[in-house]
Amino acid sequence: ETTKDLAKALAKQCIVFNCQEGMDYIMVGKFFKGLAMAGAWACFDEFNRINIEVLSVIAQQLLTINQAIVNKLERFIFEGVEISLNPENASFITMNPGYAGRTELPDNLK
């Protein structure tokens, strides 16, 4: 709720996404593509419900977007497609560690 409230105060679009075990990197990649292009924010609720293998790929996807922002690129290649970049995009996560069925974050996401 804090992320949503901050986004609202800053007049930013914020999408809350409830993560589940069945999510794959292709679906999340499409989501990131939209965020990067629109400059929107997303809050991934219960992020550590996603399988560890998928989390590892997601980390690389986030790194690609972050590097494009740091390098002040207007366009960049994401998942094999050239897209425009709105550097105001952001991704936030919530986690509930210790619950049954929850995954530890891979090192490249810490």
C-alpha atoms as a PDB file:
ATOM      1  CA  GLU A   1       0.000   0.000   0.000  1.00  0.00           C
ATOM      2  CA  THR A   2       2.883   2.390   0.659  1.00  0.00           C
ATOM      3  CA  THR A   3       4.140   2.124  -2.918  1.00  0.00           C
ATOM      4  CA  LYS A   4       0.636   2.753  -4.262  1.00  0.00           C
ATOM      5  CA  ASP A   5       0.227   5.768  -1.976  1.00  0.00           C
ATOM      6  CA  LEU A   6       3.567   7.235  -3.044  1.00  0.00           C
ATOM      7  CA  ALA A   7       2.725   6.711  -6.718  1.00  0.00           C
ATOM      8  CA  LYS A   8      -0.624   8.400  -6.222  1.00  0.00           C
ATOM      9  CA  ALA A   9       1.010  11.387  -4.504  1.00  0.00           C
ATOM     10  CA  LEU A  10       3.434  11.703  -7.437  1.00  0.00           C
ATOM     11  CA  ALA A  11       0.703  11.155 -10.071  1.00  0.00           C
ATOM     12  CA  LYS A  12       2.392   7.969 -11.340  1.00  0.00           C
ATOM     13  CA  GLN A  13       0.558   4.955 -12.687  1.00  0.00           C
ATOM     14  CA  CYS A  14       1.198   2.007 -10.354  1.00  0.00           C
ATOM     15  CA  ILE A  15       0.143  -1.569 -11.047  1.00  0.00           C
ATOM     16  CA  VAL A  16       0.037  -4.055  -8.183  1.00  0.00           C
ATOM     17  CA  PHE A  17       0.714  -7.574  -9.369  1.00  0.00           C
ATOM     18  CA  ASN A  18       0.083 -10.608  -7.159  1.00  0.00           C
ATOM     19  CA  CYS A  19       2.891 -13.075  -7.871  1.00  0.00           C
ATOM     20  CA  GLN A  20       2.253 -16.818  -8.138  1.00  0.00           C
ATOM     21  CA  GLU A  21       4.303 -19.957  -8.591  1.00  0.00           C
ATOM     22  CA  GLY A  22       3.134 -20.476 -12.180  1.00  0.00           C
ATOM     23  CA  MET A  23       4.594 -17.215 -13.485  1.00  0.00           C
ATOM     24  CA  ASP A  24       7.284 -17.492 -16.152  1.00  0.00           C
ATOM     25  CA  TYR A  25       9.971 -15.118 -17.377  1.00  0.00           C
ATOM     26  CA  ILE A  26       8.228 -14.584 -20.737  1.00  0.00           C
ATOM     27  CA  MET A  27       5.095 -13.195 -19.103  1.00  0.00           C
ATOM     28  CA  VAL A  28       7.079 -11.045 -16.675  1.00  0.00           C
ATOM     29  CA  GLY A  29       9.272  -9.827 -19.554  1.00  0.00           C
ATOM     30  CA  LYS A  30       6.199  -8.587 -21.424  1.00  0.00           C
ATOM     31  CA  PHE A  31       5.110  -6.803 -18.257  1.00  0.00           C
ATOM     32  CA  PHE A  32       8.555  -5.166 -17.866  1.00  0.00           C
ATOM     33  CA  LYS A  33       8.477  -4.117 -21.518  1.00  0.00           C
ATOM     34  CA  GLY A  34       5.265  -2.191 -20.930  1.00  0.00           C
ATOM     35  CA  LEU A  35       6.574  -0.590 -17.743  1.00  0.00           C
ATOM     36  CA  ALA A  36       9.823   0.490 -19.407  1.00  0.00           C
ATOM     37  CA  MET A  37       8.006   2.045 -22.341  1.00  0.00           C
ATOM     38  CA  ALA A  38       5.225   3.729 -20.334  1.00  0.00           C
ATOM     39  CA  GLY A  39       7.302   4.911 -17.380  1.00  0.00           C
ATOM     40  CA  ALA A  40       4.851   3.243 -15.033  1.00  0.00           C
ATOM     41  CA  TRP A  41       5.540   1.709 -11.632  1.00  0.00           C
ATOM     42  CA  ALA A  42       4.769  -1.837 -10.545  1.00  0.00           C
ATOM     43  CA  CYS A  43       4.634  -3.480  -7.163  1.00  0.00           C
ATOM     44  CA  PHE A  44       5.165  -7.236  -7.285  1.00  0.00           C
ATOM     45  CA  ASP A  45       3.346  -8.545  -4.214  1.00  0.00           C
ATOM     46  CA  GLU A  46       4.748 -11.722  -2.620  1.00  0.00           C
ATOM     47  CA  PHE A  47       7.606 -11.737  -5.120  1.00  0.00           C
ATOM     48  CA  ASN A  48       9.265 -14.720  -3.469  1.00  0.00           C
ATOM     49  CA  ARG A  49       6.381 -17.006  -4.502  1.00  0.00           C
ATOM     50  CA  ILE A  50       7.941 -17.132  -7.985  1.00  0.00           C
ATOM     51  CA  ASN A  51      10.153 -20.161  -8.711  1.00  0.00           C
ATOM     52  CA  ILE A  52      13.889 -19.611  -8.179  1.00  0.00           C
ATOM     53  CA  GLU A  53      14.747 -20.345 -11.823  1.00  0.00           C
ATOM     54  CA  VAL A  54      12.311 -17.672 -12.998  1.00  0.00           C
ATOM     55  CA  LEU A  55      13.562 -15.185 -10.384  1.00  0.00           C
ATOM     56  CA  SER A  56      17.065 -15.549 -11.759  1.00  0.00           C
ATOM     57  CA  VAL A  57      15.941 -14.611 -15.292  1.00  0.00           C
ATOM     58  CA  ILE A  58      13.839 -11.747 -13.906  1.00  0.00           C
ATOM     59  CA  ALA A  59      16.992 -10.393 -12.246  1.00  0.00           C
ATOM     60  CA  GLN A  60      18.695 -10.250 -15.646  1.00  0.00           C
ATOM     61  CA  GLN A  61      15.667  -8.522 -17.180  1.00  0.00           C
ATOM     62  CA  LEU A  62      15.705  -5.881 -14.431  1.00  0.00           C
ATOM     63  CA  LEU A  63      19.443  -5.418 -14.889  1.00  0.00           C
ATOM     64  CA  THR A  64      18.970  -4.789 -18.621  1.00  0.00           C
ATOM     65  CA  ILE A  65      16.382  -2.072 -17.924  1.00  0.00           C
ATOM     66  CA  ASN A  66      18.510  -0.558 -15.157  1.00  0.00           C
ATOM     67  CA  GLN A  67      21.583  -0.399 -17.401  1.00  0.00           C
ATOM     68  CA  ALA A  68      19.552   1.381 -20.088  1.00  0.00           C
ATOM     69  CA  ILE A  69      18.431   3.962 -17.521  1.00  0.00           C
ATOM     70  CA  VAL A  70      21.952   4.463 -16.136  1.00  0.00           C
ATOM     71  CA  ASN A  71      23.314   4.909 -19.670  1.00  0.00           C
ATOM     72  CA  LYS A  72      20.529   7.421 -20.431  1.00  0.00           C
ATOM     73  CA  LEU A  73      19.411   5.512 -23.511  1.00  0.00           C
ATOM     74  CA  GLU A  74      16.262   6.534 -25.350  1.00  0.00           C
ATOM     75  CA  ARG A  75      15.934   3.089 -26.962  1.00  0.00           C
ATOM     76  CA  PHE A  76      17.423  -0.270 -26.032  1.00  0.00           C
ATOM     77  CA  ILE A  77      17.191  -3.970 -26.830  1.00  0.00           C
ATOM     78  CA  PHE A  78      15.023  -5.905 -24.396  1.00  0.00           C
ATOM     79  CA  GLU A  79      14.391  -9.612 -24.921  1.00  0.00           C
ATOM     80  CA  GLY A  80      15.481  -9.303 -28.560  1.00  0.00           C
ATOM     81  CA  VAL A  81      13.243  -6.333 -29.393  1.00  0.00           C
ATOM     82  CA  GLU A  82      14.214  -2.672 -29.627  1.00  0.00           C
ATOM     83  CA  ILE A  83      11.919  -0.584 -27.430  1.00  0.00           C
ATOM     84  CA  SER A  84      11.726   3.022 -26.274  1.00  0.00           C
ATOM     85  CA  LEU A  85      12.643   3.810 -22.674  1.00  0.00           C
ATOM     86  CA  ASN A  86      10.852   6.088 -20.254  1.00  0.00           C
ATOM     87  CA  PRO A  87      13.401   6.276 -17.411  1.00  0.00           C
ATOM     88  CA  GLU A  88      10.723   7.025 -14.821  1.00  0.00           C
ATOM     89  CA  ASN A  89       9.658   3.360 -14.699  1.00  0.00           C
ATOM     90  CA  ALA A  90      10.206   1.515 -11.437  1.00  0.00           C
ATOM     91  CA  SER A  91       9.624  -1.931  -9.960  1.00  0.00           C
ATOM     92  CA  PHE A  92       9.055  -2.620  -6.277  1.00  0.00           C
ATOM     93  CA  ILE A  93       8.568  -5.917  -4.464  1.00  0.00           C
ATOM     94  CA  THR A  94       7.034  -7.221  -1.267  1.00  0.00           C
ATOM     95  CA  MET A  95       8.028 -10.524   0.299  1.00  0.00           C
ATOM     96  CA  ASN A  96       6.846 -12.702   3.135  1.00  0.00           C
ATOM     97  CA  PRO A  97       9.942 -14.733   4.014  1.00  0.00           C
ATOM     98  CA  GLY A  98       9.598 -17.846   6.092  1.00  0.00           C
ATOM     99  CA  TYR A  99       6.175 -18.866   4.826  1.00  0.00           C
ATOM    100  CA  ALA A 100       5.756 -22.340   3.336  1.00  0.00           C
ATOM    101  CA  GLY A 101       6.275 -22.350  -0.423  1.00  0.00           C
ATOM    102  CA  ARG A 102       8.339 -19.154  -0.432  1.00  0.00           C
ATOM    103  CA  THR A 103      11.668 -18.935  -2.252  1.00  0.00           C
ATOM    104  CA  GLU A 104      14.895 -17.283  -1.127  1.00  0.00           C
ATOM    105  CA  LEU A 105      15.990 -14.557  -3.506  1.00  0.00           C
ATOM    106  CA  PRO A 106      18.889 -15.535  -5.799  1.00  0.00           C
ATOM    107  CA  ASP A 107      22.141 -13.644  -5.199  1.00  0.00           C
ATOM    108  CA  ASN A 108      21.755 -11.582  -8.383  1.00  0.00           C
ATOM    109  CA  LEU A 109      18.556 -10.038  -6.943  1.00  0.00           C
ATOM    110  CA  LYS A 110      19.899  -9.155  -3.491  1.00  0.00           C
END
